[in-house]
Amino acid sequence: MAKDFVYRGKSIEELKKMELKEFVKLLPSRKRRSLKRGFTETQKAFLKKVDKAIEGRHKKPIKTHCRDMIVLPKMVGLTVQIHAGKSFAPVMIQPEMIGMYLGELTLTRSKVAHSAPGVGATRSSAAISVR
């Protein structure tokens, strides 16, 4: 039996029915203060795209550079492509992601894989015979 998702004692259906002011009271302090200040212009534009996607007018995944946006309950189920510095990483918004920043969902740093040092990089590399 699958366990139902609960955020601070509220089910996903209850969260989606809540107004933003009620939902803000459930968030931790840093995120609560961020939302109380209001949305920035880029966040407002992102939310317009989210509303269009919910209504079904926006078919493609939503691309955004807005990594400081907090995941709201109405975003659950959408695919968002979040900018990771060089490319956009697709993220399917799950109920467990509610209250997180979009930037937390994608990594900006990739693993560095070095190959062998080139000739002249070290003193010992000069001793290697070059055929």
Protein backbone atom coordinates (compact mmCIF):
# COMPACT_ATOMS: atom_id res chain seq x y z
CA MET A 1 0.00 0.00 0.00
CA ALA A 2 1.48 3.33 -1.08
CA LYS A 3 1.79 6.03 1.55
CA ASP A 4 -0.09 9.25 0.77
CA PHE A 5 1.97 12.44 0.58
CA VAL A 6 1.57 14.83 3.50
CA TYR A 7 3.27 18.24 3.90
CA ARG A 8 3.06 19.60 7.44
CA GLY A 9 -0.14 17.62 8.07
CA LYS A 10 -1.87 18.63 4.81
CA SER A 11 -2.55 16.36 1.83
CA ILE A 12 -1.70 17.42 -1.73
CA GLU A 13 -5.38 18.10 -2.49
CA GLU A 14 -5.68 20.38 0.55
CA LEU A 15 -2.47 22.20 -0.44
CA LYS A 16 -3.73 22.83 -3.98
CA LYS A 17 -7.00 24.29 -2.65
CA MET A 18 -5.19 26.65 -0.25
CA GLU A 19 -4.58 30.28 -1.04
CA LEU A 20 -0.97 31.43 -1.19
CA LYS A 21 -1.20 33.28 2.15
CA GLU A 22 -2.33 30.11 3.92
CA PHE A 23 0.37 28.01 2.24
CA VAL A 24 3.09 30.52 3.19
CA LYS A 25 2.34 29.93 6.88
CA LEU A 26 3.37 26.26 6.47
CA LEU A 27 6.81 27.06 5.00
CA PRO A 28 10.10 27.43 6.90
CA SER A 29 11.14 30.98 7.80
CA ARG A 30 13.53 31.78 4.91
CA LYS A 31 11.01 30.72 2.27
CA ARG A 32 8.11 32.31 4.12
CA ARG A 33 9.91 35.67 4.21
CA SER A 34 10.83 35.35 0.55
CA LEU A 35 7.19 34.84 -0.48
CA LYS A 36 5.89 37.55 1.86
CA ARG A 37 8.06 40.10 0.05
CA GLY A 38 6.27 39.25 -3.18
CA PHE A 39 7.34 37.76 -6.47
CA THR A 40 10.01 39.29 -8.71
CA GLU A 41 9.21 40.07 -12.35
CA THR A 42 10.87 36.87 -13.57
CA GLN A 43 8.95 34.82 -11.00
CA LYS A 44 5.68 36.44 -12.11
CA ALA A 45 6.45 35.57 -15.75
CA PHE A 46 7.26 31.99 -14.73
CA LEU A 47 3.97 31.70 -12.80
CA LYS A 48 2.04 32.91 -15.88
CA LYS A 49 3.61 30.07 -17.88
CA VAL A 50 2.72 27.64 -15.08
CA ASP A 51 -0.91 28.81 -15.15
CA LYS A 52 -1.03 28.36 -18.93
CA ALA A 53 0.42 24.85 -18.59
CA ILE A 54 -2.17 23.95 -15.95
CA GLU A 55 -4.98 25.16 -18.24
CA GLY A 56 -3.50 23.11 -21.09
CA ARG A 57 -2.54 26.01 -23.37
CA HIS A 58 1.23 25.44 -22.94
CA LYS A 59 2.16 21.99 -24.26
CA LYS A 60 5.98 22.03 -24.04
CA PRO A 61 7.98 21.84 -20.79
CA ILE A 62 8.52 25.26 -19.23
CA LYS A 63 12.07 26.59 -19.58
CA THR A 64 13.27 28.93 -16.88
CA HIS A 65 16.34 30.68 -15.52
CA CYS A 66 14.43 31.47 -12.32
CA ARG A 67 16.26 29.18 -9.88
CA ASP A 68 15.09 31.19 -6.85
CA MET A 69 11.43 30.26 -7.35
CA ILE A 70 9.88 28.16 -4.59
CA VAL A 71 7.96 25.07 -5.71
CA LEU A 72 4.27 25.70 -5.06
CA PRO A 73 1.59 22.99 -4.83
CA LYS A 74 0.03 24.02 -8.15
CA MET A 75 3.29 23.11 -9.95
CA VAL A 76 3.09 19.42 -9.00
CA GLY A 77 2.95 17.20 -12.07
CA LEU A 78 4.53 19.71 -14.47
CA THR A 79 7.85 19.26 -16.25
CA VAL A 80 10.12 22.27 -15.82
CA GLN A 81 13.46 22.74 -17.57
CA ILE A 82 15.72 24.57 -15.11
CA HIS A 83 18.84 26.35 -16.31
CA ALA A 84 21.99 24.75 -14.88
CA GLY A 85 24.57 27.24 -16.15
CA LYS A 86 25.16 25.73 -19.57
CA SER A 87 22.06 23.71 -20.42
CA PHE A 88 18.52 23.15 -19.22
CA ALA A 89 17.87 20.12 -17.00
CA PRO A 90 14.34 18.67 -17.20
CA VAL A 91 12.72 18.13 -13.79
CA MET A 92 9.34 16.51 -13.17
CA ILE A 93 7.88 18.29 -10.14
CA GLN A 94 6.91 15.72 -7.48
CA PRO A 95 4.89 16.39 -4.30
CA GLU A 96 8.03 15.84 -2.20
CA MET A 97 9.60 18.91 -3.86
CA ILE A 98 7.03 21.34 -2.44
CA GLY A 99 8.74 24.17 -0.56
CA MET A 100 12.15 23.68 -2.23
CA TYR A 101 13.83 26.19 -4.52
CA LEU A 102 14.01 25.19 -8.20
CA GLY A 103 17.79 25.69 -8.00
CA GLU A 104 18.04 22.91 -5.42
CA LEU A 105 16.67 20.43 -7.94
CA THR A 106 19.46 20.73 -10.52
CA LEU A 107 23.21 20.57 -10.11
CA THR A 108 25.27 23.39 -11.60
CA ARG A 109 28.66 21.71 -11.26
CA SER A 110 29.59 18.60 -13.18
CA LYS A 111 32.23 16.05 -12.26
CA VAL A 112 35.65 16.86 -13.70
CA ALA A 113 37.39 13.92 -15.38
CA HIS A 114 41.03 14.52 -16.18
CA SER A 115 43.03 12.45 -18.64
CA ALA A 116 46.79 11.80 -18.55
CA PRO A 117 49.08 14.87 -18.32
CA GLY A 118 50.51 16.22 -21.55
CA VAL A 119 54.17 16.20 -22.53
CA GLY A 120 55.98 18.89 -20.56
CA ALA A 121 53.33 19.13 -17.87
CA THR A 122 55.67 17.63 -15.29
CA ARG A 123 59.38 16.77 -15.17
CA SER A 124 58.64 13.06 -15.36
CA SER A 125 56.45 13.42 -18.43
CA ALA A 126 59.47 14.65 -20.42
CA ALA A 127 61.20 11.30 -19.80
CA ILE A 128 58.40 9.38 -21.52
CA SER A 129 59.52 8.40 -24.98
CA VAL A 130 57.45 9.92 -27.74
CA ARG A 131 57.23 7.61 -30.73
